[in-house]
Every structure is written in C-alpha cells, then in structure tokens.
N, C-alpha and C. Protein backbone atom coordinates (compact mmCIF):
# COMPACT_ATOMS: atom_id res chain seq x y z
N UNK A 1 -193.31 80.71 -13.75
CA UNK A 1 -192.12 80.95 -12.93
C UNK A 1 -191.62 79.62 -12.35
N UNK A 2 -190.30 79.34 -12.58
CA UNK A 2 -189.76 78.07 -12.10
C UNK A 2 -189.56 78.10 -10.59
N UNK A 3 -189.85 76.97 -9.96
CA UNK A 3 -189.64 76.86 -8.52
C UNK A 3 -188.18 76.51 -8.25
N UNK A 4 -187.62 77.10 -7.19
CA UNK A 4 -186.23 76.80 -6.83
C UNK A 4 -186.13 75.39 -6.26
N UNK A 5 -185.07 74.69 -6.64
CA UNK A 5 -184.83 73.34 -6.11
C UNK A 5 -184.19 73.39 -4.73
N UNK A 6 -183.75 74.57 -4.29
CA UNK A 6 -183.10 74.72 -3.00
C UNK A 6 -184.12 75.09 -1.93
N UNK A 7 -183.83 74.67 -0.71
CA UNK A 7 -184.69 75.04 0.41
C UNK A 7 -184.30 76.45 0.88
N UNK A 8 -185.12 77.03 1.73
CA UNK A 8 -184.84 78.37 2.23
C UNK A 8 -183.53 78.42 3.01
N UNK A 9 -183.31 77.37 3.83
CA UNK A 9 -182.08 77.37 4.63
C UNK A 9 -180.85 77.24 3.73
N UNK A 10 -180.96 76.46 2.66
CA UNK A 10 -179.83 76.33 1.73
C UNK A 10 -179.55 77.64 1.02
N UNK A 11 -180.62 78.34 0.62
CA UNK A 11 -180.44 79.62 -0.06
C UNK A 11 -179.80 80.64 0.90
N UNK A 12 -180.25 80.64 2.16
CA UNK A 12 -179.68 81.57 3.14
C UNK A 12 -178.20 81.28 3.37
N UNK A 13 -177.85 79.98 3.42
CA UNK A 13 -176.44 79.61 3.59
C UNK A 13 -175.61 80.08 2.41
N UNK A 14 -176.16 79.95 1.21
CA UNK A 14 -175.44 80.40 0.00
C UNK A 14 -175.25 81.92 0.02
N UNK A 15 -176.27 82.64 0.47
CA UNK A 15 -176.16 84.10 0.57
C UNK A 15 -175.04 84.49 1.52
N UNK A 16 -174.96 83.79 2.67
CA UNK A 16 -173.91 84.07 3.64
C UNK A 16 -172.53 83.77 3.04
N UNK A 17 -172.45 82.66 2.27
CA UNK A 17 -171.17 82.28 1.64
C UNK A 17 -170.71 83.36 0.67
N UNK A 18 -171.65 83.86 -0.16
CA UNK A 18 -171.27 84.88 -1.14
C UNK A 18 -170.92 86.20 -0.47
N UNK A 19 -171.60 86.51 0.62
CA UNK A 19 -171.24 87.72 1.37
C UNK A 19 -169.81 87.62 1.89
N UNK A 20 -169.46 86.43 2.37
CA UNK A 20 -168.11 86.19 2.87
C UNK A 20 -167.08 86.35 1.76
N UNK A 21 -167.42 85.84 0.57
CA UNK A 21 -166.51 85.95 -0.59
C UNK A 21 -166.28 87.42 -0.95
N UNK A 22 -167.36 88.23 -0.92
CA UNK A 22 -167.24 89.66 -1.22
C UNK A 22 -166.32 90.34 -0.22
N UNK A 23 -166.46 89.98 1.06
CA UNK A 23 -165.60 90.58 2.09
C UNK A 23 -164.14 90.22 1.87
N UNK A 24 -163.89 88.95 1.49
CA UNK A 24 -162.51 88.53 1.23
C UNK A 24 -161.92 89.27 0.03
N UNK A 25 -162.72 89.44 -1.02
CA UNK A 25 -162.24 90.15 -2.21
C UNK A 25 -161.94 91.62 -1.89
N UNK A 26 -162.80 92.23 -1.07
CA UNK A 26 -162.56 93.62 -0.67
C UNK A 26 -161.27 93.74 0.14
N UNK A 27 -161.03 92.72 1.00
CA UNK A 27 -159.81 92.72 1.81
C UNK A 27 -158.56 92.60 0.92
N UNK A 28 -158.64 91.72 -0.07
CA UNK A 28 -157.51 91.54 -0.99
C UNK A 28 -157.28 92.80 -1.82
N UNK A 29 -158.36 93.44 -2.26
CA UNK A 29 -158.25 94.68 -3.04
C UNK A 29 -157.56 95.77 -2.22
N UNK A 30 -157.91 95.87 -0.94
CA UNK A 30 -157.29 96.88 -0.07
C UNK A 30 -155.79 96.61 0.06
N UNK A 31 -155.40 95.32 0.18
CA UNK A 31 -153.98 94.96 0.29
C UNK A 31 -153.22 95.32 -0.98
N UNK A 32 -153.83 95.05 -2.14
CA UNK A 32 -153.19 95.37 -3.42
C UNK A 32 -152.99 96.87 -3.55
N UNK A 33 -154.00 97.66 -3.17
CA UNK A 33 -153.89 99.12 -3.25
C UNK A 33 -152.76 99.63 -2.35
N UNK A 34 -152.63 99.06 -1.14
CA UNK A 34 -151.57 99.45 -0.22
C UNK A 34 -150.19 99.13 -0.80
N UNK A 35 -150.09 97.93 -1.44
CA UNK A 35 -148.82 97.53 -2.05
C UNK A 35 -148.43 98.47 -3.18
N UNK A 36 -149.41 98.82 -4.04
CA UNK A 36 -149.14 99.75 -5.14
C UNK A 36 -148.69 101.12 -4.61
N UNK A 37 -149.34 101.57 -3.57
CA UNK A 37 -148.99 102.86 -2.97
C UNK A 37 -147.56 102.85 -2.45
N UNK A 38 -147.17 101.74 -1.79
CA UNK A 38 -145.82 101.59 -1.25
C UNK A 38 -144.77 101.54 -2.37
N UNK A 39 -145.09 100.79 -3.45
CA UNK A 39 -144.15 100.68 -4.57
C UNK A 39 -143.94 102.02 -5.27
N UNK A 40 -145.02 102.78 -5.43
CA UNK A 40 -144.89 104.09 -6.06
C UNK A 40 -144.04 105.03 -5.22
N UNK A 41 -144.15 104.92 -3.90
CA UNK A 41 -143.32 105.74 -3.02
C UNK A 41 -141.85 105.31 -3.12
N UNK A 42 -141.60 104.00 -3.20
CA UNK A 42 -140.22 103.49 -3.33
C UNK A 42 -139.61 103.91 -4.66
N UNK A 43 -140.43 104.00 -5.71
CA UNK A 43 -139.94 104.35 -7.05
C UNK A 43 -139.29 105.73 -7.07
N UNK A 44 -139.81 106.64 -6.26
CA UNK A 44 -139.28 108.01 -6.23
C UNK A 44 -137.85 108.06 -5.67
N UNK A 45 -137.54 107.17 -4.73
CA UNK A 45 -136.22 107.19 -4.08
C UNK A 45 -135.30 106.08 -4.57
N UNK A 46 -135.75 105.25 -5.50
CA UNK A 46 -134.94 104.12 -5.99
C UNK A 46 -133.77 104.63 -6.83
N UNK A 47 -132.58 103.96 -6.78
CA UNK A 47 -131.42 104.38 -7.58
C UNK A 47 -131.65 104.15 -9.06
N UNK A 48 -130.92 104.90 -9.89
CA UNK A 48 -131.03 104.80 -11.34
C UNK A 48 -130.40 103.51 -11.83
N UNK A 49 -131.00 102.86 -12.84
CA UNK A 49 -130.49 101.59 -13.35
C UNK A 49 -129.15 101.73 -14.07
N UNK A 50 -128.80 102.92 -14.58
CA UNK A 50 -127.60 103.10 -15.41
C UNK A 50 -126.33 103.30 -14.59
N UNK A 51 -126.41 103.51 -13.27
CA UNK A 51 -125.24 103.78 -12.45
C UNK A 51 -124.22 102.65 -12.41
N UNK A 52 -124.62 101.36 -12.25
CA UNK A 52 -123.61 100.28 -12.23
C UNK A 52 -122.80 100.19 -13.51
N UNK A 53 -123.40 100.57 -14.68
CA UNK A 53 -122.69 100.48 -15.97
C UNK A 53 -121.52 101.44 -16.00
N UNK A 54 -121.61 102.61 -15.34
CA UNK A 54 -120.55 103.62 -15.32
C UNK A 54 -119.30 103.09 -14.64
N UNK A 55 -119.47 102.31 -13.58
CA UNK A 55 -118.34 101.73 -12.86
C UNK A 55 -117.54 100.78 -13.74
N UNK A 56 -118.23 100.03 -14.60
CA UNK A 56 -117.56 99.07 -15.48
C UNK A 56 -116.68 99.78 -16.50
N UNK A 57 -117.15 100.91 -17.07
CA UNK A 57 -116.39 101.61 -18.11
C UNK A 57 -115.12 102.21 -17.53
N UNK A 58 -115.16 102.74 -16.29
CA UNK A 58 -113.96 103.32 -15.68
C UNK A 58 -112.96 102.24 -15.34
N UNK A 59 -113.42 101.05 -15.01
CA UNK A 59 -112.52 99.96 -14.64
C UNK A 59 -111.79 99.39 -15.84
N UNK A 60 -112.27 99.64 -17.05
CA UNK A 60 -111.67 99.05 -18.25
C UNK A 60 -110.48 99.84 -18.79
N UNK A 61 -110.20 101.08 -18.30
CA UNK A 61 -109.15 101.93 -18.85
C UNK A 61 -107.75 101.32 -18.75
N UNK A 62 -107.36 100.77 -17.60
CA UNK A 62 -106.00 100.20 -17.54
C UNK A 62 -105.92 98.81 -18.12
N UNK A 63 -106.68 98.54 -19.16
CA UNK A 63 -106.76 97.19 -19.70
C UNK A 63 -105.78 96.87 -20.80
N UNK A 64 -104.80 97.78 -21.17
CA UNK A 64 -103.89 97.53 -22.27
C UNK A 64 -102.97 96.34 -22.07
N UNK A 65 -102.45 96.12 -20.86
CA UNK A 65 -101.56 94.95 -20.68
C UNK A 65 -102.21 93.63 -21.08
N UNK A 66 -103.54 93.60 -21.13
CA UNK A 66 -104.23 92.38 -21.53
C UNK A 66 -103.93 92.00 -22.97
N UNK A 67 -103.58 93.02 -23.82
CA UNK A 67 -103.27 92.73 -25.21
C UNK A 67 -102.03 91.85 -25.31
N UNK A 68 -101.03 92.17 -24.48
CA UNK A 68 -99.83 91.34 -24.47
C UNK A 68 -100.16 89.92 -24.04
N UNK A 69 -101.02 89.84 -23.04
CA UNK A 69 -101.44 88.51 -22.58
C UNK A 69 -102.20 87.79 -23.67
N UNK A 70 -102.98 88.56 -24.46
CA UNK A 70 -103.73 87.96 -25.57
C UNK A 70 -102.79 87.45 -26.63
N UNK A 71 -101.70 88.26 -26.91
CA UNK A 71 -100.71 87.82 -27.90
C UNK A 71 -100.02 86.54 -27.46
N UNK A 72 -99.70 86.49 -26.16
CA UNK A 72 -99.06 85.28 -25.62
C UNK A 72 -99.99 84.08 -25.76
N UNK A 73 -101.28 84.34 -25.52
CA UNK A 73 -102.26 83.25 -25.66
C UNK A 73 -102.36 82.78 -27.10
N UNK A 74 -102.27 83.75 -28.03
CA UNK A 74 -102.37 83.40 -29.46
C UNK A 74 -101.20 82.52 -29.87
N UNK A 75 -99.98 82.88 -29.41
CA UNK A 75 -98.81 82.06 -29.75
C UNK A 75 -98.88 80.71 -29.05
N UNK A 76 -99.44 80.73 -27.85
CA UNK A 76 -99.54 79.48 -27.10
C UNK A 76 -100.58 78.55 -27.69
N UNK A 77 -101.51 79.09 -28.49
CA UNK A 77 -102.58 78.27 -29.05
C UNK A 77 -102.15 77.44 -30.25
N UNK A 78 -101.01 77.79 -30.86
CA UNK A 78 -100.57 77.06 -32.05
C UNK A 78 -100.39 75.57 -31.79
N UNK A 79 -99.67 75.21 -30.73
CA UNK A 79 -99.55 73.76 -30.49
C UNK A 79 -100.76 73.20 -29.76
N UNK A 80 -101.91 73.79 -30.00
CA UNK A 80 -103.10 73.43 -29.22
C UNK A 80 -103.95 72.33 -29.81
N UNK A 81 -103.48 71.60 -30.80
CA UNK A 81 -104.29 70.53 -31.39
C UNK A 81 -104.68 69.44 -30.39
N UNK A 82 -103.80 69.09 -29.46
CA UNK A 82 -104.21 68.06 -28.49
C UNK A 82 -105.47 68.42 -27.72
N UNK A 83 -105.81 69.73 -27.66
CA UNK A 83 -107.03 70.15 -26.95
C UNK A 83 -108.28 69.59 -27.61
N UNK A 84 -108.21 69.36 -28.94
CA UNK A 84 -109.36 68.80 -29.63
C UNK A 84 -109.70 67.42 -29.08
N UNK A 85 -108.64 66.66 -28.81
CA UNK A 85 -108.87 65.34 -28.22
C UNK A 85 -109.52 65.48 -26.86
N UNK A 86 -109.01 66.51 -26.09
CA UNK A 86 -109.60 66.75 -24.77
C UNK A 86 -111.06 67.17 -24.90
N UNK A 87 -111.33 67.99 -25.96
CA UNK A 87 -112.71 68.41 -26.20
C UNK A 87 -113.59 67.23 -26.55
N UNK A 88 -113.01 66.31 -27.37
CA UNK A 88 -113.77 65.11 -27.74
C UNK A 88 -114.07 64.27 -26.51
N UNK A 89 -113.05 64.17 -25.62
CA UNK A 89 -113.26 63.41 -24.37
C UNK A 89 -114.34 64.06 -23.52
N UNK A 90 -114.29 65.42 -23.50
CA UNK A 90 -115.29 66.16 -22.72
C UNK A 90 -116.69 65.95 -23.27
N UNK A 91 -116.77 65.91 -24.62
CA UNK A 91 -118.08 65.69 -25.27
C UNK A 91 -118.62 64.32 -24.95
N UNK A 92 -117.72 63.32 -24.97
CA UNK A 92 -118.18 61.96 -24.65
C UNK A 92 -118.55 61.86 -23.17
N UNK A 93 -117.82 62.64 -22.35
CA UNK A 93 -118.11 62.61 -20.91
C UNK A 93 -119.47 63.22 -20.61
N UNK A 94 -119.94 64.14 -21.49
CA UNK A 94 -121.23 64.79 -21.26
C UNK A 94 -122.42 63.92 -21.59
N UNK A 95 -122.21 62.86 -22.35
CA UNK A 95 -123.33 62.02 -22.79
C UNK A 95 -124.11 61.41 -21.63
N UNK A 96 -123.42 60.93 -20.59
CA UNK A 96 -124.20 60.33 -19.49
C UNK A 96 -124.85 61.35 -18.58
N UNK A 97 -125.18 62.54 -19.11
CA UNK A 97 -125.79 63.58 -18.28
C UNK A 97 -127.29 63.49 -18.16
N UNK A 98 -127.92 62.46 -18.73
CA UNK A 98 -129.38 62.32 -18.68
C UNK A 98 -129.96 62.13 -17.30
N UNK A 99 -129.24 61.50 -16.35
CA UNK A 99 -129.82 61.35 -15.01
C UNK A 99 -130.28 62.65 -14.38
N UNK A 100 -129.75 63.81 -14.86
CA UNK A 100 -130.21 65.09 -14.32
C UNK A 100 -131.69 65.30 -14.58
N UNK A 101 -132.17 64.81 -15.74
CA UNK A 101 -133.59 64.93 -16.05
C UNK A 101 -134.44 64.17 -15.04
N UNK A 102 -133.94 63.00 -14.66
CA UNK A 102 -134.65 62.20 -13.66
C UNK A 102 -134.71 62.95 -12.34
N UNK A 103 -133.57 63.62 -12.00
CA UNK A 103 -133.54 64.40 -10.76
C UNK A 103 -134.55 65.53 -10.82
N UNK A 104 -134.65 66.16 -12.01
CA UNK A 104 -135.63 67.24 -12.19
C UNK A 104 -137.05 66.72 -12.03
N UNK A 105 -137.30 65.52 -12.59
CA UNK A 105 -138.64 64.91 -12.47
C UNK A 105 -138.97 64.61 -11.02
N UNK A 106 -137.93 64.13 -10.27
CA UNK A 106 -138.15 63.84 -8.85
C UNK A 106 -138.48 65.12 -8.09
N UNK A 107 -137.77 66.21 -8.48
CA UNK A 107 -138.02 67.49 -7.82
C UNK A 107 -139.44 67.97 -8.07
N UNK A 108 -139.89 67.79 -9.33
CA UNK A 108 -141.26 68.21 -9.68
C UNK A 108 -142.29 67.40 -8.91
N UNK A 109 -142.03 66.10 -8.78
CA UNK A 109 -142.95 65.24 -8.03
C UNK A 109 -143.00 65.63 -6.57
N UNK A 110 -141.81 65.96 -6.02
CA UNK A 110 -141.76 66.37 -4.61
C UNK A 110 -142.54 67.64 -4.38
N UNK A 111 -142.51 68.54 -5.36
CA UNK A 111 -143.26 69.79 -5.23
C UNK A 111 -144.75 69.53 -5.21
N UNK A 112 -145.21 68.57 -6.05
CA UNK A 112 -146.64 68.27 -6.12
C UNK A 112 -147.14 67.67 -4.83
N UNK A 113 -146.30 66.81 -4.21
CA UNK A 113 -146.76 66.08 -3.03
C UNK A 113 -146.36 66.76 -1.73
N UNK A 114 -145.67 67.92 -1.80
CA UNK A 114 -145.21 68.59 -0.59
C UNK A 114 -146.35 69.20 0.18
N UNK A 115 -146.00 69.64 1.41
CA UNK A 115 -147.03 70.23 2.28
C UNK A 115 -147.38 71.65 1.89
N UNK A 116 -146.50 72.30 1.09
CA UNK A 116 -146.77 73.68 0.70
C UNK A 116 -147.77 73.73 -0.43
N UNK A 117 -148.33 74.94 -0.66
CA UNK A 117 -149.30 75.10 -1.74
C UNK A 117 -148.59 75.33 -3.07
N UNK A 118 -149.33 75.62 -4.15
CA UNK A 118 -148.77 75.77 -5.49
C UNK A 118 -147.75 76.89 -5.57
N UNK A 119 -147.88 77.92 -4.77
CA UNK A 119 -146.94 79.04 -4.80
C UNK A 119 -145.76 78.81 -3.87
N UNK A 120 -145.69 77.64 -3.23
CA UNK A 120 -144.59 77.35 -2.32
C UNK A 120 -144.75 77.97 -0.96
N UNK A 121 -145.95 78.42 -0.66
CA UNK A 121 -146.20 79.04 0.64
C UNK A 121 -146.83 78.06 1.60
N UNK A 122 -146.48 78.19 2.87
CA UNK A 122 -147.11 77.35 3.89
C UNK A 122 -148.52 77.88 4.16
N UNK A 123 -149.47 76.99 4.43
CA UNK A 123 -150.84 77.43 4.70
C UNK A 123 -150.91 78.34 5.92
N UNK A 124 -151.66 79.43 5.80
CA UNK A 124 -151.77 80.40 6.90
C UNK A 124 -152.87 79.95 7.87
N UNK A 125 -152.53 79.96 9.15
CA UNK A 125 -153.50 79.64 10.20
C UNK A 125 -153.82 80.94 10.93
N UNK A 126 -155.07 81.40 10.83
CA UNK A 126 -155.46 82.66 11.46
C UNK A 126 -156.01 82.41 12.85
N UNK A 127 -156.18 83.52 13.58
CA UNK A 127 -156.78 83.43 14.92
C UNK A 127 -158.20 82.87 14.82
N UNK A 128 -158.91 83.22 13.74
CA UNK A 128 -160.29 82.75 13.59
C UNK A 128 -160.34 81.24 13.29
N UNK A 129 -159.32 80.72 12.60
CA UNK A 129 -159.22 79.27 12.41
C UNK A 129 -159.15 78.57 13.77
N UNK A 130 -158.30 79.14 14.64
CA UNK A 130 -158.11 78.55 15.97
C UNK A 130 -159.39 78.65 16.80
N UNK A 131 -160.05 79.81 16.75
CA UNK A 131 -161.27 80.00 17.53
C UNK A 131 -162.32 78.96 17.15
N UNK A 132 -162.53 78.77 15.84
CA UNK A 132 -163.57 77.84 15.36
C UNK A 132 -163.24 76.41 15.75
N UNK A 133 -161.99 75.98 15.49
CA UNK A 133 -161.61 74.60 15.81
C UNK A 133 -161.66 74.33 17.31
N UNK A 134 -161.15 75.28 18.10
CA UNK A 134 -161.14 75.10 19.56
C UNK A 134 -162.56 75.03 20.10
N UNK A 135 -163.47 75.85 19.58
CA UNK A 135 -164.86 75.86 20.05
C UNK A 135 -165.50 74.49 19.85
N UNK A 136 -165.26 73.88 18.69
CA UNK A 136 -165.85 72.57 18.38
C UNK A 136 -165.18 71.47 19.20
N UNK A 137 -163.84 71.51 19.30
CA UNK A 137 -163.13 70.48 20.05
C UNK A 137 -163.47 70.54 21.54
N UNK A 138 -163.61 71.76 22.07
CA UNK A 138 -163.95 71.90 23.50
C UNK A 138 -165.37 71.43 23.78
N UNK A 139 -166.29 71.64 22.83
CA UNK A 139 -167.68 71.20 23.01
C UNK A 139 -167.80 69.68 22.92
N UNK A 140 -166.86 69.04 22.22
CA UNK A 140 -166.84 67.58 22.03
C UNK A 140 -168.12 67.08 21.34
N UNK A 141 -168.71 67.96 20.56
CA UNK A 141 -169.88 67.60 19.76
C UNK A 141 -170.01 68.62 18.63
N UNK A 142 -170.75 68.28 17.60
CA UNK A 142 -170.95 69.20 16.47
C UNK A 142 -171.77 70.40 16.93
N UNK A 143 -171.42 71.56 16.43
CA UNK A 143 -172.13 72.79 16.80
C UNK A 143 -172.85 73.38 15.59
N UNK A 144 -174.11 73.75 15.78
CA UNK A 144 -174.84 74.43 14.70
C UNK A 144 -174.41 75.89 14.68
N UNK A 145 -174.84 76.62 13.67
CA UNK A 145 -174.34 77.98 13.42
C UNK A 145 -174.48 78.91 14.63
N UNK A 146 -175.64 78.89 15.29
CA UNK A 146 -175.87 79.81 16.41
C UNK A 146 -174.95 79.50 17.58
N UNK A 147 -174.81 78.21 17.93
CA UNK A 147 -173.95 77.82 19.05
C UNK A 147 -172.49 78.12 18.74
N UNK A 148 -172.09 77.86 17.50
CA UNK A 148 -170.71 78.13 17.10
C UNK A 148 -170.41 79.63 17.16
N UNK A 149 -171.36 80.45 16.73
CA UNK A 149 -171.19 81.90 16.78
C UNK A 149 -170.96 82.38 18.21
N UNK A 150 -171.77 81.90 19.16
CA UNK A 150 -171.65 82.33 20.55
C UNK A 150 -170.29 81.94 21.14
N UNK A 151 -169.84 80.70 20.83
CA UNK A 151 -168.56 80.22 21.36
C UNK A 151 -167.39 81.02 20.78
N UNK A 152 -167.43 81.27 19.47
CA UNK A 152 -166.35 82.02 18.82
C UNK A 152 -166.36 83.48 19.25
N UNK A 153 -167.53 84.04 19.43
CA UNK A 153 -167.65 85.44 19.88
C UNK A 153 -166.95 85.64 21.23
N UNK A 154 -167.16 84.70 22.16
CA UNK A 154 -166.52 84.79 23.47
C UNK A 154 -165.01 84.75 23.35
N UNK A 155 -164.51 83.87 22.48
CA UNK A 155 -163.06 83.76 22.29
C UNK A 155 -162.49 85.03 21.65
N UNK A 156 -163.23 85.62 20.71
CA UNK A 156 -162.78 86.85 20.06
C UNK A 156 -162.75 88.01 21.06
N UNK A 157 -163.76 88.06 21.92
CA UNK A 157 -163.81 89.11 22.94
C UNK A 157 -162.65 88.97 23.92
N UNK A 158 -162.34 87.72 24.31
CA UNK A 158 -161.24 87.48 25.23
C UNK A 158 -159.90 87.87 24.60
N UNK A 159 -159.78 87.66 23.30
CA UNK A 159 -158.54 88.00 22.58
C UNK A 159 -158.53 89.44 22.08
N UNK A 160 -159.59 90.22 22.40
CA UNK A 160 -159.73 91.62 22.00
C UNK A 160 -159.74 91.77 20.47
N UNK A 161 -160.39 90.82 19.78
CA UNK A 161 -160.52 90.87 18.33
C UNK A 161 -161.97 91.07 17.89
N UNK A 162 -162.85 91.29 18.87
CA UNK A 162 -164.27 91.45 18.55
C UNK A 162 -164.55 92.86 18.06
N UNK A 163 -165.25 92.98 16.91
CA UNK A 163 -165.69 94.29 16.40
C UNK A 163 -167.20 94.44 16.58
N UNK A 164 -167.93 93.57 15.87
CA UNK A 164 -169.38 93.53 16.01
C UNK A 164 -169.87 92.16 15.52
N UNK A 165 -171.14 91.85 15.78
CA UNK A 165 -171.67 90.53 15.46
C UNK A 165 -171.60 90.22 13.96
N UNK A 166 -171.88 91.21 13.13
CA UNK A 166 -171.89 90.98 11.67
C UNK A 166 -170.52 90.57 11.16
N UNK A 167 -169.47 91.24 11.66
CA UNK A 167 -168.12 90.90 11.22
C UNK A 167 -167.70 89.52 11.73
N UNK A 168 -168.09 89.20 12.94
CA UNK A 168 -167.75 87.87 13.49
C UNK A 168 -168.42 86.77 12.66
N UNK A 169 -169.69 86.97 12.29
CA UNK A 169 -170.39 85.97 11.46
C UNK A 169 -169.72 85.81 10.10
N UNK A 170 -169.30 86.93 9.50
CA UNK A 170 -168.64 86.86 8.19
C UNK A 170 -167.32 86.11 8.30
N UNK A 171 -166.57 86.35 9.37
CA UNK A 171 -165.28 85.68 9.54
C UNK A 171 -165.46 84.19 9.83
N UNK A 172 -166.50 83.86 10.58
CA UNK A 172 -166.78 82.44 10.84
C UNK A 172 -167.13 81.73 9.54
N UNK A 173 -167.96 82.36 8.70
CA UNK A 173 -168.35 81.75 7.42
C UNK A 173 -167.14 81.54 6.52
N UNK A 174 -166.25 82.55 6.46
CA UNK A 174 -165.04 82.43 5.64
C UNK A 174 -164.14 81.31 6.17
N UNK A 175 -164.03 81.22 7.49
CA UNK A 175 -163.19 80.19 8.11
C UNK A 175 -163.77 78.80 7.86
N UNK A 176 -165.08 78.65 7.97
CA UNK A 176 -165.72 77.35 7.72
C UNK A 176 -165.51 76.91 6.27
N UNK A 177 -165.59 77.85 5.35
CA UNK A 177 -165.35 77.52 3.94
C UNK A 177 -163.94 76.95 3.75
N UNK A 178 -162.97 77.58 4.40
CA UNK A 178 -161.58 77.14 4.27
C UNK A 178 -161.36 75.79 4.94
N UNK A 179 -161.82 75.65 6.20
CA UNK A 179 -161.56 74.44 6.97
C UNK A 179 -162.37 73.24 6.48
N UNK A 180 -163.59 73.50 5.92
CA UNK A 180 -164.44 72.41 5.44
C UNK A 180 -164.13 72.06 4.00
N UNK A 181 -164.12 73.07 3.12
CA UNK A 181 -164.01 72.81 1.67
C UNK A 181 -162.58 72.62 1.19
N UNK A 182 -161.63 73.42 1.72
CA UNK A 182 -160.27 73.35 1.20
C UNK A 182 -159.36 72.47 2.04
N UNK A 183 -159.30 72.73 3.33
CA UNK A 183 -158.35 72.00 4.18
C UNK A 183 -158.90 70.68 4.72
N UNK A 184 -160.22 70.50 4.66
CA UNK A 184 -160.87 69.26 5.12
C UNK A 184 -160.59 68.94 6.59
N UNK A 185 -160.34 69.99 7.40
CA UNK A 185 -160.09 69.77 8.82
C UNK A 185 -161.40 69.70 9.61
N UNK A 186 -162.48 70.21 9.03
CA UNK A 186 -163.81 70.12 9.62
C UNK A 186 -164.77 69.59 8.56
N UNK A 187 -165.95 69.17 9.02
CA UNK A 187 -166.98 68.69 8.09
C UNK A 187 -168.33 69.23 8.54
N UNK A 188 -169.26 69.38 7.58
CA UNK A 188 -170.59 69.84 7.95
C UNK A 188 -171.56 68.66 7.85
N UNK A 189 -172.50 68.62 8.77
CA UNK A 189 -173.43 67.50 8.89
C UNK A 189 -174.87 68.02 8.90
N UNK A 190 -175.78 67.14 8.49
CA UNK A 190 -177.20 67.50 8.50
C UNK A 190 -177.66 67.72 9.94
N UNK A 191 -178.53 68.69 10.08
CA UNK A 191 -178.98 69.10 11.41
C UNK A 191 -180.51 69.18 11.41
N UNK A 192 -181.11 68.82 12.52
CA UNK A 192 -182.58 68.83 12.60
C UNK A 192 -183.14 70.24 12.49
N UNK A 193 -182.37 71.22 12.96
CA UNK A 193 -182.83 72.60 12.89
C UNK A 193 -182.40 73.26 11.58
N UNK A 194 -182.32 74.58 11.62
CA UNK A 194 -181.96 75.36 10.44
C UNK A 194 -180.45 75.28 10.18
N UNK A 195 -180.05 75.13 8.91
CA UNK A 195 -178.64 75.11 8.55
C UNK A 195 -177.97 73.78 8.84
N UNK A 196 -176.66 73.85 9.08
CA UNK A 196 -175.86 72.64 9.31
C UNK A 196 -175.20 72.70 10.68
N UNK A 197 -174.70 71.53 11.09
CA UNK A 197 -173.86 71.43 12.29
C UNK A 197 -172.45 71.11 11.81
N UNK A 198 -171.44 71.64 12.52
CA UNK A 198 -170.05 71.47 12.11
C UNK A 198 -169.26 70.72 13.18
N UNK A 199 -168.44 69.78 12.71
CA UNK A 199 -167.64 68.98 13.62
C UNK A 199 -166.43 68.40 12.92
N UNK A 200 -165.70 67.54 13.61
CA UNK A 200 -164.53 66.89 13.01
C UNK A 200 -165.00 65.83 12.00
N UNK A 201 -164.22 65.61 10.93
CA UNK A 201 -164.62 64.63 9.90
C UNK A 201 -164.86 63.23 10.45
N UNK A 202 -164.14 62.86 11.53
CA UNK A 202 -164.28 61.52 12.09
C UNK A 202 -165.57 61.34 12.89
N UNK A 203 -166.33 62.42 13.09
CA UNK A 203 -167.55 62.35 13.90
C UNK A 203 -168.76 61.86 13.10
N UNK A 204 -168.61 61.59 11.85
CA UNK A 204 -169.74 61.13 11.05
C UNK A 204 -169.29 60.70 9.67
N UNK A 205 -170.26 60.34 8.85
CA UNK A 205 -169.95 59.88 7.49
C UNK A 205 -171.14 60.20 6.58
N UNK A 206 -170.83 60.65 5.36
CA UNK A 206 -171.88 60.95 4.39
C UNK A 206 -172.83 62.03 4.84
N UNK A 207 -172.32 62.99 5.61
CA UNK A 207 -173.16 64.09 6.07
C UNK A 207 -174.03 63.76 7.26
N UNK A 208 -173.87 62.54 7.82
CA UNK A 208 -174.66 62.13 8.99
C UNK A 208 -173.76 61.99 10.20
N UNK A 209 -174.19 62.58 11.31
CA UNK A 209 -173.42 62.53 12.56
C UNK A 209 -173.64 61.22 13.31
N UNK A 210 -172.60 60.78 14.00
CA UNK A 210 -172.78 59.69 14.96
C UNK A 210 -173.59 60.20 16.14
N UNK A 211 -174.32 59.34 16.78
CA UNK A 211 -175.25 59.75 17.83
C UNK A 211 -174.56 60.52 18.96
N UNK A 212 -173.34 60.10 19.32
CA UNK A 212 -172.67 60.72 20.47
C UNK A 212 -172.16 62.14 20.20
N UNK A 213 -172.16 62.55 18.91
CA UNK A 213 -171.67 63.88 18.56
C UNK A 213 -172.78 64.82 18.10
N UNK A 214 -174.02 64.39 18.21
CA UNK A 214 -175.11 65.24 17.76
C UNK A 214 -175.27 66.47 18.65
N UNK A 215 -175.55 67.59 17.97
CA UNK A 215 -175.67 68.85 18.70
C UNK A 215 -176.97 68.88 19.51
C-alpha cells in the first residue's frame, strides 16, 4: 500500500475544499432548475411567432401604385450609365477600409485587458467576501481557520445571515478559494498549528509571514 505524500492537515483542507465545491455545484443546479421552471411557465403565455407576419401581408394590399413608380424608375434608368462611374468611384473609395480591422483588434485587446470577466460581467462581491476581508483587516494580522471562523460568525450573526456552524465554515472555505486562488486579494501562509493562516498578500512572501503579522 502506497503512503500518501500529503500530511493529515493537507488532506483535511482538501476535503473541506471539495465539500465547498459540492455545495457550490448544488447551488448552481438549484438556480438552473428555477430558471427552467420560470421559462416553461413563460412559454405557456408567450405570443405566437407567426402573428407579426400577418400584419405585413395586410399592409401590402394597397401596393399597386408602386408599379407606376417602378415603371418610372425603369425609364429613368436608361440614361443611367454615369452611375457606373459613380459605382467605380465608390469601389475605389471602399479600398481604404482596412483601418476598421485595426479598430476591431483594439476592441479585442481592450476586452482581454478590461476589468470585466470573459462573459463581460463585473466580479460579484458577496457579504461573505466582505466578512472574511474585514475580519482579517480588523485583526491586522493573519488569522488561522479557527480564529477566522469565530470572527466571521460574529459578523454573520450581526447581519442576520447566520444559519449554523457547518454552513458558515463551507461559505468561508468557498470565499477563501475565490479571494486567494482567483482574485488574489488574500494569501495563505504557513502556520505553526494545524492548517494555514490567511492574510493580505503584502504581509508575507513565498508562503511565509512577516513577524509582525504572525497569528
């Protein structure tokens, strides 16, 4: 039997991370089900697609005078050879249209470097994001998991968002994943006790805390 290369605390942290991922997936699944339910209800009362076409056919009945206008256009087109020259001028005028491609490239570059995400949405800041960041900033030092839980729990209770300890822990884990791994607004550091300590990225380097920020 192969021995695990991970320590017990690392394995426990991974278990908590995966539990958090399962909770997030369940939350997303519930939202999708609600959206489908709403769309199916809207489908029953939605107007028929063929109705706008009926309006067009009734509007075309008094269209006979257009034939006379068409005949006038046909007779007027005979001396229309000079238009070819105008068309040629228009064609030559279209040649310098390549700068539009450059504008498109600039737009694409701006999208890549913009503050929004790939879908064009602004990043969502939840109440739990605020609770976690405020707890660490107010402590002015890195907090290990237990201390962070107690600080965030008090804030959740004050905001009337507290359900139970298990849900608070799951939400803290999900928030830490987002703020540490994706947004890089927080960092995790090695801790003498079990697990990690969390603080601002400027409080340490290479996973090691500066002395003044140690928990």
